[in-house]
C-alpha atoms as a PDB file:
ATOM      1  CA  UNK A   1     143.469 148.837 120.265  1.00  0.00           C
ATOM      2  CA  UNK A   2     144.422 152.221 121.657  1.00  0.00           C
ATOM      3  CA  UNK A   3     147.396 154.115 120.298  1.00  0.00           C
ATOM      4  CA  UNK A   4     148.551 156.754 122.776  1.00  0.00           C
ATOM      5  CA  UNK A   5     149.719 160.057 121.298  1.00  0.00           C
ATOM      6  CA  UNK A   6     153.506 160.260 121.495  1.00  0.00           C
ATOM      7  CA  UNK A   7     154.971 162.992 123.654  1.00  0.00           C
ATOM      8  CA  UNK A   8     157.936 164.093 121.571  1.00  0.00           C
ATOM      9  CA  UNK A   9     159.472 166.321 124.222  1.00  0.00           C
ATOM     10  CA  UNK A  10     159.411 163.471 126.745  1.00  0.00           C
ATOM     11  CA  UNK A  11     161.035 161.108 124.227  1.00  0.00           C
ATOM     12  CA  UNK A  12     163.769 163.646 123.411  1.00  0.00           C
ATOM     13  CA  UNK A  13     164.499 164.184 127.105  1.00  0.00           C
ATOM     14  CA  UNK A  14     164.522 160.426 127.804  1.00  0.00           C
ATOM     15  CA  UNK A  15     166.749 159.556 124.839  1.00  0.00           C
ATOM     16  CA  UNK A  16     169.158 162.402 125.618  1.00  0.00           C
ATOM     17  CA  UNK A  17     169.478 161.290 129.237  1.00  0.00           C
ATOM     18  CA  UNK A  18     170.090 157.659 128.299  1.00  0.00           C
ATOM     19  CA  UNK A  19     172.582 158.428 125.514  1.00  0.00           C
ATOM     20  CA  UNK A  20     174.605 160.864 127.640  1.00  0.00           C
ATOM     21  CA  UNK A  21     174.688 158.336 130.495  1.00  0.00           C
ATOM     22  CA  UNK A  22     175.811 155.495 128.207  1.00  0.00           C
ATOM     23  CA  UNK A  23     178.441 157.732 126.564  1.00  0.00           C
ATOM     24  CA  UNK A  24     179.787 158.737 129.971  1.00  0.00           C
ATOM     25  CA  UNK A  25     179.944 155.120 131.117  1.00  0.00           C
ATOM     26  CA  UNK A  26     181.728 154.153 127.882  1.00  0.00           C
ATOM     27  CA  UNK A  27     184.215 156.994 128.346  1.00  0.00           C
ATOM     28  CA  UNK A  28     184.925 155.944 131.929  1.00  0.00           C
ATOM     29  CA  UNK A  29     185.623 152.388 130.807  1.00  0.00           C
ATOM     30  CA  UNK A  30     182.614 150.592 132.284  1.00  0.00           C
ATOM     31  CA  UNK A  31     181.508 149.341 128.827  1.00  0.00           C
ATOM     32  CA  UNK A  32     184.859 148.580 127.191  1.00  0.00           C
ATOM     33  CA  UNK A  33     188.243 150.217 126.937  1.00  0.00           C
ATOM     34  CA  UNK A  34     188.666 153.502 128.777  1.00  0.00           C
ATOM     35  CA  UNK A  35     188.269 156.777 126.856  1.00  0.00           C
ATOM     36  CA  UNK A  36     186.693 155.003 123.870  1.00  0.00           C
ATOM     37  CA  UNK A  37     183.173 156.019 122.865  1.00  0.00           C
ATOM     38  CA  UNK A  38     181.442 153.896 120.224  1.00  0.00           C
ATOM     39  CA  UNK A  39     179.592 156.475 118.130  1.00  0.00           C
ATOM     40  CA  UNK A  40     177.830 153.898 115.946  1.00  0.00           C
ATOM     41  CA  UNK A  41     176.386 152.208 119.026  1.00  0.00           C
ATOM     42  CA  UNK A  42     175.164 155.556 120.354  1.00  0.00           C
ATOM     43  CA  UNK A  43     173.616 156.429 116.980  1.00  0.00           C
ATOM     44  CA  UNK A  44     171.802 153.086 116.891  1.00  0.00           C
ATOM     45  CA  UNK A  45     170.607 153.661 120.435  1.00  0.00           C
ATOM     46  CA  UNK A  46     169.282 157.100 119.464  1.00  0.00           C
ATOM     47  CA  UNK A  47     167.306 155.580 116.602  1.00  0.00           C
ATOM     48  CA  UNK A  48     165.903 152.471 118.280  1.00  0.00           C
ATOM     49  CA  UNK A  49     165.196 153.689 121.811  1.00  0.00           C
ATOM     50  CA  UNK A  50     162.203 155.932 120.953  1.00  0.00           C
ATOM     51  CA  UNK A  51     160.627 153.184 118.824  1.00  0.00           C
ATOM     52  CA  UNK A  52     160.992 150.525 121.507  1.00  0.00           C
ATOM     53  CA  UNK A  53     159.752 152.917 124.182  1.00  0.00           C
ATOM     54  CA  UNK A  54     156.664 153.779 122.141  1.00  0.00           C
ATOM     55  CA  UNK A  55     155.920 150.094 121.484  1.00  0.00           C
ATOM     56  CA  UNK A  56     156.148 149.375 125.214  1.00  0.00           C
ATOM     57  CA  UNK A  57     153.795 152.304 125.846  1.00  0.00           C
ATOM     58  CA  UNK A  58     151.286 150.838 123.380  1.00  0.00           C
ATOM     59  CA  UNK A  59     151.498 147.421 125.070  1.00  0.00           C
ATOM     60  CA  UNK A  60     150.985 148.942 128.517  1.00  0.00           C
ATOM     61  CA  UNK A  61     148.084 151.041 127.255  1.00  0.00           C
ATOM     62  CA  UNK A  62     146.337 147.967 125.872  1.00  0.00           C
ATOM     63  CA  UNK A  63     147.052 145.551 128.705  1.00  0.00           C
ATOM     64  CA  UNK A  64     143.564 146.000 130.151  1.00  0.00           C
ATOM     65  CA  UNK A  65     142.047 145.141 126.757  1.00  0.00           C
ATOM     66  CA  UNK A  66     143.927 141.845 126.677  1.00  0.00           C
ATOM     67  CA  UNK A  67     142.637 140.759 130.108  1.00  0.00           C
ATOM     68  CA  UNK A  68     138.960 141.275 129.205  1.00  0.00           C
END
């Protein structure tokens, strides 16, 4: 099983982009009442998104090993 080295700068950029987008959509009222930003949801997203992204990277890296 191959474990790809994590690119921390790419993860920080990705998480920042996603969290700012979700916060903006929450503020505009797409995800609930208008002008209400759920900080606990955003904090949970900041913590879980890099882990899930890395696990998906590991799965994609090892997909060719599974097919052999």
